[in-house]
Amino acid sequence: MKGMILCAGHGTRLRPFTYSRPKCTVPVNGVPVIVSIVEQFVKLGINDIGVVLNATQHQIRRLLGNGSSFGASISYFLQDEALGLAHAVQAGRSFLQDGPFFLMLGDNLVNDVPSALIEQVANGNAEASLLLARVDDPRQFGVATLREGIIVRLDEKPAAPMSDLAIVGVYAFGGAIFQMLDRLQPSARGEYEITDAIMGLIEAGARVTYSLMAEPFFDIGNPDRWLAANRFMLDRYSVTAVGGSKGLM
């Protein structure tokens, strides 16, 4: 299975940190988010990775190179307009070749993605599998509704959420998703939504499964979330030293 990382956003909500660097290169615990994501792919056994960029993100190419230093092979693709996640996937379609793939958003810090998420699609048990997390305010996210262990509905940032299960930005897809991408029309906000494509699968009778996160995830889209991610990671990777003080490992 191939992998894809979507990084083409301009990071306007994370300014001033993103005036001089792409959002996905902002460090958390000293490590650029995009590096943590690539390492997550390799850990899951996905070494052939496509990265979707906008025309200004040369720093990402310089940082990751061809991927060999991470044990991966990395290719790059241009999203010429910011027209949504589904549009970004289409920008790398020549790389994916309409086959199954694993997808992560470049501004989400997620530790320990369950391998079962990928296995559901790789084994033919589902056409899509999504990573979900329980959140306090689901209105800020895409939200999933479940029935009998599968996803039956997705709503993008609903005013009245039907559950507290947020879509984390980690997905595995079978080849059928490309038929749905080809049928998409722009949403009310003028974008091609990946949630609409997944709803197309559900409405066509395809099985869409999920895995539930066991620990927090962080969308580093604004300064408060970026700081929260750093606090969490600093605490997680600290050790108790002599006298009870903490230092980084």
C-alpha atoms as a PDB file:
ATOM      1  CA  MET A   1       0.000   0.000   0.000  1.00  0.00           C
ATOM      2  CA  LYS A   2       1.222   3.485  -0.862  1.00  0.00           C
ATOM      3  CA  GLY A   3       0.984   6.491   1.418  1.00  0.00           C
ATOM      4  CA  MET A   4       0.098  10.139   0.906  1.00  0.00           C
ATOM      5  CA  ILE A   5       0.622  13.221   3.079  1.00  0.00           C
ATOM      6  CA  LEU A   6      -1.317  16.426   2.375  1.00  0.00           C
ATOM      7  CA  CYS A   7       0.708  19.553   3.187  1.00  0.00           C
ATOM      8  CA  ALA A   8      -0.531  22.175   0.723  1.00  0.00           C
ATOM      9  CA  GLY A   9      -2.339  24.423   3.226  1.00  0.00           C
ATOM     10  CA  HIS A  10      -0.933  27.925   3.777  1.00  0.00           C
ATOM     11  CA  GLY A  11      -1.108  27.880   7.597  1.00  0.00           C
ATOM     12  CA  THR A  12      -2.628  31.340   7.979  1.00  0.00           C
ATOM     13  CA  ARG A  13      -4.105  30.517  11.411  1.00  0.00           C
ATOM     14  CA  LEU A  14      -0.672  29.582  12.756  1.00  0.00           C
ATOM     15  CA  ARG A  15       0.936  32.933  11.992  1.00  0.00           C
ATOM     16  CA  PRO A  16       3.396  34.382  12.892  1.00  0.00           C
ATOM     17  CA  PHE A  17       5.122  30.963  13.058  1.00  0.00           C
ATOM     18  CA  THR A  18       4.283  30.229   9.413  1.00  0.00           C
ATOM     19  CA  TYR A  19       5.497  33.496   7.886  1.00  0.00           C
ATOM     20  CA  SER A  20       8.879  31.890   7.239  1.00  0.00           C
ATOM     21  CA  ARG A  21       8.081  28.171   7.115  1.00  0.00           C
ATOM     22  CA  PRO A  22       5.311  25.776   5.991  1.00  0.00           C
ATOM     23  CA  LYS A  23       2.911  24.747   8.740  1.00  0.00           C
ATOM     24  CA  CYS A  24       3.886  21.081   8.621  1.00  0.00           C
ATOM     25  CA  THR A  25       7.543  21.934   9.332  1.00  0.00           C
ATOM     26  CA  VAL A  26       6.744  23.654  12.640  1.00  0.00           C
ATOM     27  CA  PRO A  27       8.523  21.678  15.392  1.00  0.00           C
ATOM     28  CA  VAL A  28       6.830  19.799  18.214  1.00  0.00           C
ATOM     29  CA  ASN A  29       9.264  18.690  20.918  1.00  0.00           C
ATOM     30  CA  GLY A  30      12.057  19.758  18.559  1.00  0.00           C
ATOM     31  CA  VAL A  31      10.930  17.584  15.638  1.00  0.00           C
ATOM     32  CA  PRO A  32       9.141  18.994  12.554  1.00  0.00           C
ATOM     33  CA  VAL A  33       5.608  17.594  12.383  1.00  0.00           C
ATOM     34  CA  ILE A  34       6.132  16.304   8.827  1.00  0.00           C
ATOM     35  CA  VAL A  35       9.167  14.298   9.989  1.00  0.00           C
ATOM     36  CA  SER A  36       7.098  12.661  12.742  1.00  0.00           C
ATOM     37  CA  ILE A  37       4.453  11.778  10.144  1.00  0.00           C
ATOM     38  CA  VAL A  38       6.954  10.216   7.731  1.00  0.00           C
ATOM     39  CA  GLU A  39       8.398   8.180  10.604  1.00  0.00           C
ATOM     40  CA  GLN A  40       4.871   7.018  11.434  1.00  0.00           C
ATOM     41  CA  PHE A  41       4.396   5.789   7.855  1.00  0.00           C
ATOM     42  CA  VAL A  42       7.657   3.846   7.932  1.00  0.00           C
ATOM     43  CA  LYS A  43       6.746   2.339  11.298  1.00  0.00           C
ATOM     44  CA  LEU A  44       3.514   1.064   9.706  1.00  0.00           C
ATOM     45  CA  GLY A  45       5.459  -0.511   6.838  1.00  0.00           C
ATOM     46  CA  ILE A  46       4.507   2.144   4.273  1.00  0.00           C
ATOM     47  CA  ASN A  47       7.695   3.272   2.562  1.00  0.00           C
ATOM     48  CA  ASP A  48       6.442   4.596  -0.809  1.00  0.00           C
ATOM     49  CA  ILE A  49       5.088   8.045   0.051  1.00  0.00           C
ATOM     50  CA  GLY A  50       3.672  10.927  -1.965  1.00  0.00           C
ATOM     51  CA  VAL A  51       3.628  14.446  -0.493  1.00  0.00           C
ATOM     52  CA  VAL A  52       1.224  17.066  -1.880  1.00  0.00           C
ATOM     53  CA  LEU A  53       2.544  20.634  -1.650  1.00  0.00           C
ATOM     54  CA  ASN A  54       1.664  24.126  -2.799  1.00  0.00           C
ATOM     55  CA  ALA A  55       4.032  26.125  -4.999  1.00  0.00           C
ATOM     56  CA  THR A  56       5.737  27.924  -2.069  1.00  0.00           C
ATOM     57  CA  GLN A  57       6.754  24.924   0.058  1.00  0.00           C
ATOM     58  CA  HIS A  58      10.310  24.322  -1.125  1.00  0.00           C
ATOM     59  CA  GLN A  59      11.465  23.882   2.474  1.00  0.00           C
ATOM     60  CA  ILE A  60       9.595  20.584   2.709  1.00  0.00           C
ATOM     61  CA  ARG A  61      11.500  19.157  -0.256  1.00  0.00           C
ATOM     62  CA  ARG A  62      14.787  20.266   1.289  1.00  0.00           C
ATOM     63  CA  LEU A  63      13.861  18.772   4.664  1.00  0.00           C
ATOM     64  CA  LEU A  64      12.664  15.368   3.458  1.00  0.00           C
ATOM     65  CA  GLY A  65      14.638  14.976   0.231  1.00  0.00           C
ATOM     66  CA  ASN A  66      14.006  11.685  -1.536  1.00  0.00           C
ATOM     67  CA  GLY A  67      13.145  10.002   1.773  1.00  0.00           C
ATOM     68  CA  SER A  68      16.180   7.720   1.899  1.00  0.00           C
ATOM     69  CA  SER A  69      17.312   9.078   5.275  1.00  0.00           C
ATOM     70  CA  PHE A  70      13.981   7.853   6.724  1.00  0.00           C
ATOM     71  CA  GLY A  71      14.012   4.473   4.982  1.00  0.00           C
ATOM     72  CA  ALA A  72      11.379   5.669   2.519  1.00  0.00           C
ATOM     73  CA  SER A  73      10.950   6.796  -1.072  1.00  0.00           C
ATOM     74  CA  ILE A  74       9.251  10.215  -1.294  1.00  0.00           C
ATOM     75  CA  SER A  75       7.704  11.821  -4.386  1.00  0.00           C
ATOM     76  CA  TYR A  76       6.196  15.312  -4.578  1.00  0.00           C
ATOM     77  CA  PHE A  77       3.041  16.642  -6.224  1.00  0.00           C
ATOM     78  CA  LEU A  78       1.654  20.142  -6.661  1.00  0.00           C
ATOM     79  CA  GLN A  79      -1.838  21.264  -5.664  1.00  0.00           C
ATOM     80  CA  ASP A  80      -2.114  24.457  -7.690  1.00  0.00           C
ATOM     81  CA  GLU A  81      -5.198  25.764  -5.861  1.00  0.00           C
ATOM     82  CA  ALA A  82      -6.402  25.263  -2.278  1.00  0.00           C
ATOM     83  CA  LEU A  83      -9.661  23.533  -3.178  1.00  0.00           C
ATOM     84  CA  GLY A  84      -9.983  20.977  -0.394  1.00  0.00           C
ATOM     85  CA  LEU A  85      -8.609  17.632   0.724  1.00  0.00           C
ATOM     86  CA  ALA A  86     -10.271  15.638  -2.058  1.00  0.00           C
ATOM     87  CA  HIS A  87      -8.761  17.994  -4.633  1.00  0.00           C
ATOM     88  CA  ALA A  88      -5.347  17.496  -2.998  1.00  0.00           C
ATOM     89  CA  VAL A  89      -5.666  13.710  -3.276  1.00  0.00           C
ATOM     90  CA  GLN A  90      -6.492  14.103  -6.961  1.00  0.00           C
ATOM     91  CA  ALA A  91      -3.259  16.097  -7.378  1.00  0.00           C
ATOM     92  CA  GLY A  92      -1.320  12.939  -6.491  1.00  0.00           C
ATOM     93  CA  ARG A  93      -3.534  10.481  -8.324  1.00  0.00           C
ATOM     94  CA  SER A  94      -0.868   9.554 -10.886  1.00  0.00           C
ATOM     95  CA  PHE A  95       1.260   8.318  -7.986  1.00  0.00           C
ATOM     96  CA  LEU A  96      -1.549   6.355  -6.321  1.00  0.00           C
ATOM     97  CA  GLN A  97      -2.608   4.727  -9.615  1.00  0.00           C
ATOM     98  CA  ASP A  98      -6.160   4.220  -8.317  1.00  0.00           C
ATOM     99  CA  GLY A  99      -4.948   1.623  -5.820  1.00  0.00           C
ATOM    100  CA  PRO A 100      -5.373   1.381  -2.027  1.00  0.00           C
ATOM    101  CA  PHE A 101      -3.529   4.000  -0.008  1.00  0.00           C
ATOM    102  CA  PHE A 102      -2.963   5.380   3.483  1.00  0.00           C
ATOM    103  CA  LEU A 103      -3.541   9.113   3.974  1.00  0.00           C
ATOM    104  CA  MET A 104      -2.539  11.576   6.696  1.00  0.00           C
ATOM    105  CA  LEU A 105      -2.917  15.333   6.954  1.00  0.00           C
ATOM    106  CA  GLY A 106       0.380  17.155   7.320  1.00  0.00           C
ATOM    107  CA  ASP A 107      -0.699  19.290  10.276  1.00  0.00           C
ATOM    108  CA  ASN A 108      -1.949  16.506  12.554  1.00  0.00           C
ATOM    109  CA  LEU A 109       0.297  14.995  15.195  1.00  0.00           C
ATOM    110  CA  VAL A 110      -0.857  11.437  15.858  1.00  0.00           C
ATOM    111  CA  ASN A 111       1.177   8.886  17.778  1.00  0.00           C
ATOM    112  CA  ASP A 112       0.797   5.136  17.340  1.00  0.00           C
ATOM    113  CA  VAL A 113      -1.715   4.825  14.494  1.00  0.00           C
ATOM    114  CA  PRO A 114      -3.374   1.397  14.945  1.00  0.00           C
ATOM    115  CA  SER A 115      -2.246  -1.064  12.258  1.00  0.00           C
ATOM    116  CA  ALA A 116      -5.828  -2.406  12.232  1.00  0.00           C
ATOM    117  CA  LEU A 117      -6.889   0.784  10.430  1.00  0.00           C
ATOM    118  CA  ILE A 118      -4.794  -0.190   7.405  1.00  0.00           C
ATOM    119  CA  GLU A 119      -5.473  -3.907   7.693  1.00  0.00           C
ATOM    120  CA  GLN A 120      -9.234  -3.363   7.347  1.00  0.00           C
ATOM    121  CA  VAL A 121      -8.678  -2.042   3.815  1.00  0.00           C
ATOM    122  CA  ALA A 122      -5.675  -4.204   2.904  1.00  0.00           C
ATOM    123  CA  ASN A 123      -7.629  -7.362   3.806  1.00  0.00           C
ATOM    124  CA  GLY A 124     -10.682  -6.302   1.803  1.00  0.00           C
ATOM    125  CA  ASN A 125     -12.919  -5.905   4.869  1.00  0.00           C
ATOM    126  CA  ALA A 126     -13.642  -2.238   4.131  1.00  0.00           C
ATOM    127  CA  GLU A 127     -13.390   0.320   1.323  1.00  0.00           C
ATOM    128  CA  ALA A 128     -12.375   2.966   3.812  1.00  0.00           C
ATOM    129  CA  SER A 129     -11.251   3.066   7.413  1.00  0.00           C
ATOM    130  CA  LEU A 130     -10.959   6.247   9.493  1.00  0.00           C
ATOM    131  CA  LEU A 131      -9.214   7.134  12.725  1.00  0.00           C
ATOM    132  CA  LEU A 132     -11.594   8.757  15.232  1.00  0.00           C
ATOM    133  CA  ALA A 133     -11.156  10.451  18.591  1.00  0.00           C
ATOM    134  CA  ARG A 134     -13.597  11.611  21.249  1.00  0.00           C
ATOM    135  CA  VAL A 135     -13.423  15.400  21.622  1.00  0.00           C
ATOM    136  CA  ASP A 136     -15.054  17.983  23.859  1.00  0.00           C
ATOM    137  CA  ASP A 137     -16.226  20.236  21.013  1.00  0.00           C
ATOM    138  CA  PRO A 138     -16.873  18.221  17.831  1.00  0.00           C
ATOM    139  CA  ARG A 139     -18.192  21.302  16.013  1.00  0.00           C
ATOM    140  CA  GLN A 140     -14.598  22.082  15.031  1.00  0.00           C
ATOM    141  CA  PHE A 141     -14.154  18.771  13.177  1.00  0.00           C
ATOM    142  CA  GLY A 142     -15.663  16.350  10.752  1.00  0.00           C
ATOM    143  CA  VAL A 143     -17.908  14.121  12.888  1.00  0.00           C
ATOM    144  CA  ALA A 144     -18.766  10.435  12.467  1.00  0.00           C
ATOM    145  CA  THR A 145     -21.991   8.672  13.407  1.00  0.00           C
ATOM    146  CA  LEU A 146     -21.735   4.932  14.081  1.00  0.00           C
ATOM    147  CA  ARG A 147     -24.167   2.051  13.890  1.00  0.00           C
ATOM    148  CA  GLU A 148     -23.342  -1.593  14.626  1.00  0.00           C
ATOM    149  CA  GLY A 149     -19.612  -1.026  14.468  1.00  0.00           C
ATOM    150  CA  ILE A 150     -19.395   0.849  11.176  1.00  0.00           C
ATOM    151  CA  ILE A 151     -19.611   4.492  10.093  1.00  0.00           C
ATOM    152  CA  VAL A 152     -23.001   5.394   8.652  1.00  0.00           C
ATOM    153  CA  ARG A 153     -22.760   9.184   8.439  1.00  0.00           C
ATOM    154  CA  LEU A 154     -20.178  11.968   8.296  1.00  0.00           C
ATOM    155  CA  ASP A 155     -20.812  15.673   8.848  1.00  0.00           C
ATOM    156  CA  GLU A 156     -18.237  18.403   8.259  1.00  0.00           C
ATOM    157  CA  LYS A 157     -18.067  20.809  11.236  1.00  0.00           C
ATOM    158  CA  PRO A 158     -21.770  20.457  12.121  1.00  0.00           C
ATOM    159  CA  ALA A 159     -23.532  23.086  14.215  1.00  0.00           C
ATOM    160  CA  ALA A 160     -25.408  20.302  16.068  1.00  0.00           C
ATOM    161  CA  PRO A 161     -23.113  17.231  16.138  1.00  0.00           C
ATOM    162  CA  MET A 162     -24.728  13.799  16.351  1.00  0.00           C
ATOM    163  CA  SER A 163     -21.738  12.356  18.257  1.00  0.00           C
ATOM    164  CA  ASP A 164     -18.477  13.376  19.896  1.00  0.00           C
ATOM    165  CA  LEU A 165     -16.388  11.307  17.475  1.00  0.00           C
ATOM    166  CA  ALA A 166     -14.076  13.562  15.484  1.00  0.00           C
ATOM    167  CA  ILE A 167     -12.312  12.532  12.288  1.00  0.00           C
ATOM    168  CA  VAL A 168      -8.638  12.804  13.132  1.00  0.00           C
ATOM    169  CA  GLY A 169      -7.259  13.186   9.594  1.00  0.00           C
ATOM    170  CA  VAL A 170      -5.901   9.651   9.213  1.00  0.00           C
ATOM    171  CA  TYR A 171      -7.501   7.387   6.604  1.00  0.00           C
ATOM    172  CA  ALA A 172      -7.021   4.180   4.629  1.00  0.00           C
ATOM    173  CA  PHE A 173      -8.818   3.827   1.304  1.00  0.00           C
ATOM    174  CA  GLY A 174      -9.459   1.142  -1.269  1.00  0.00           C
ATOM    175  CA  GLY A 175      -9.602   1.904  -4.977  1.00  0.00           C
ATOM    176  CA  ALA A 176     -13.351   2.638  -5.006  1.00  0.00           C
ATOM    177  CA  ILE A 177     -12.770   6.093  -3.472  1.00  0.00           C
ATOM    178  CA  PHE A 178     -11.537   7.393  -6.833  1.00  0.00           C
ATOM    179  CA  GLN A 179     -14.955   6.882  -8.415  1.00  0.00           C
ATOM    180  CA  MET A 180     -16.407   9.063  -5.664  1.00  0.00           C
ATOM    181  CA  LEU A 181     -13.709  11.709  -6.079  1.00  0.00           C
ATOM    182  CA  ASP A 182     -14.567  11.980  -9.770  1.00  0.00           C
ATOM    183  CA  ARG A 183     -18.229  12.690  -8.927  1.00  0.00           C
ATOM    184  CA  LEU A 184     -17.659  15.416  -6.353  1.00  0.00           C
ATOM    185  CA  GLN A 185     -19.063  18.905  -6.659  1.00  0.00           C
ATOM    186  CA  PRO A 186     -17.759  21.852  -4.603  1.00  0.00           C
ATOM    187  CA  SER A 187     -19.262  22.197  -1.139  1.00  0.00           C
ATOM    188  CA  ALA A 188     -20.898  25.335   0.207  1.00  0.00           C
ATOM    189  CA  ARG A 189     -17.447  26.654   1.109  1.00  0.00           C
ATOM    190  CA  GLY A 190     -16.190  26.050  -2.426  1.00  0.00           C
ATOM    191  CA  GLU A 191     -14.026  23.008  -1.679  1.00  0.00           C
ATOM    192  CA  TYR A 192     -13.986  19.361  -2.715  1.00  0.00           C
ATOM    193  CA  GLU A 193     -14.522  17.565   0.587  1.00  0.00           C
ATOM    194  CA  ILE A 194     -13.057  14.149   1.390  1.00  0.00           C
ATOM    195  CA  THR A 195     -16.001  13.590   3.747  1.00  0.00           C
ATOM    196  CA  ASP A 196     -18.389  13.914   0.779  1.00  0.00           C
ATOM    197  CA  ALA A 197     -16.409  11.274  -1.111  1.00  0.00           C
ATOM    198  CA  ILE A 198     -16.576   8.912   1.883  1.00  0.00           C
ATOM    199  CA  MET A 199     -20.311   9.549   2.204  1.00  0.00           C
ATOM    200  CA  GLY A 200     -20.563   8.516  -1.450  1.00  0.00           C
ATOM    201  CA  LEU A 201     -19.031   5.174  -0.509  1.00  0.00           C
ATOM    202  CA  ILE A 202     -21.465   4.759   2.381  1.00  0.00           C
ATOM    203  CA  GLU A 203     -24.482   5.619   0.214  1.00  0.00           C
ATOM    204  CA  ALA A 204     -23.284   3.113  -2.406  1.00  0.00           C
ATOM    205  CA  GLY A 205     -23.333   0.382   0.258  1.00  0.00           C
ATOM    206  CA  ALA A 206     -19.583   0.146   0.853  1.00  0.00           C
ATOM    207  CA  ARG A 207     -18.333  -0.768   4.300  1.00  0.00           C
ATOM    208  CA  VAL A 208     -16.555   2.090   6.120  1.00  0.00           C
ATOM    209  CA  THR A 209     -14.906   1.121   9.398  1.00  0.00           C
ATOM    210  CA  TYR A 210     -12.935   2.961  12.057  1.00  0.00           C
ATOM    211  CA  SER A 211     -10.334   2.737  14.790  1.00  0.00           C
ATOM    212  CA  LEU A 212     -10.612   4.781  17.978  1.00  0.00           C
ATOM    213  CA  MET A 213      -7.628   6.670  19.353  1.00  0.00           C
ATOM    214  CA  ALA A 214      -6.424   5.703  22.809  1.00  0.00           C
ATOM    215  CA  GLU A 215      -4.598   8.993  23.489  1.00  0.00           C
ATOM    216  CA  PRO A 216      -4.851  12.658  22.481  1.00  0.00           C
ATOM    217  CA  PHE A 217      -4.169  13.896  18.979  1.00  0.00           C
ATOM    218  CA  PHE A 218      -3.189  17.417  17.990  1.00  0.00           C
ATOM    219  CA  ASP A 219      -4.224  19.499  15.018  1.00  0.00           C
ATOM    220  CA  ILE A 220      -1.509  22.165  15.142  1.00  0.00           C
ATOM    221  CA  GLY A 221      -3.583  24.593  13.073  1.00  0.00           C
ATOM    222  CA  ASN A 222      -3.362  27.485  15.537  1.00  0.00           C
ATOM    223  CA  PRO A 223      -0.885  28.642  18.225  1.00  0.00           C
ATOM    224  CA  ASP A 224      -2.917  27.294  21.170  1.00  0.00           C
ATOM    225  CA  ARG A 225      -3.069  23.794  19.664  1.00  0.00           C
ATOM    226  CA  TRP A 226       0.613  23.911  18.745  1.00  0.00           C
ATOM    227  CA  LEU A 227       1.538  24.851  22.321  1.00  0.00           C
ATOM    228  CA  ALA A 228      -0.722  22.082  23.689  1.00  0.00           C
ATOM    229  CA  ALA A 229       1.024  19.547  21.447  1.00  0.00           C
ATOM    230  CA  ASN A 230       4.435  20.672  22.702  1.00  0.00           C
ATOM    231  CA  ARG A 231       3.335  20.463  26.343  1.00  0.00           C
ATOM    232  CA  PHE A 232       1.994  16.943  25.846  1.00  0.00           C
ATOM    233  CA  MET A 233       5.068  15.681  24.015  1.00  0.00           C
ATOM    234  CA  LEU A 234       7.492  17.282  26.465  1.00  0.00           C
ATOM    235  CA  ASP A 235       5.680  15.582  29.329  1.00  0.00           C
ATOM    236  CA  ARG A 236       5.462  12.237  27.538  1.00  0.00           C
ATOM    237  CA  TYR A 237       9.155  12.102  26.664  1.00  0.00           C
ATOM    238  CA  SER A 238      10.545  13.421  29.938  1.00  0.00           C
ATOM    239  CA  VAL A 239      12.149  11.350  32.677  1.00  0.00           C
ATOM    240  CA  THR A 240      12.422  11.874  36.409  1.00  0.00           C
ATOM    241  CA  ALA A 241      15.968  12.838  37.300  1.00  0.00           C
ATOM    242  CA  VAL A 242      17.791  12.973  40.649  1.00  0.00           C
ATOM    243  CA  GLY A 243      15.870  15.149  43.070  1.00  0.00           C
ATOM    244  CA  GLY A 244      12.603  14.730  41.154  1.00  0.00           C
ATOM    245  CA  SER A 245      13.333  17.211  38.355  1.00  0.00           C
ATOM    246  CA  LYS A 246      12.577  16.343  34.743  1.00  0.00           C
ATOM    247  CA  GLY A 247      14.790  16.406  31.705  1.00  0.00           C
ATOM    248  CA  LEU A 248      14.337  15.396  28.079  1.00  0.00           C
ATOM    249  CA  MET A 249      15.370  11.938  27.026  1.00  0.00           C
END
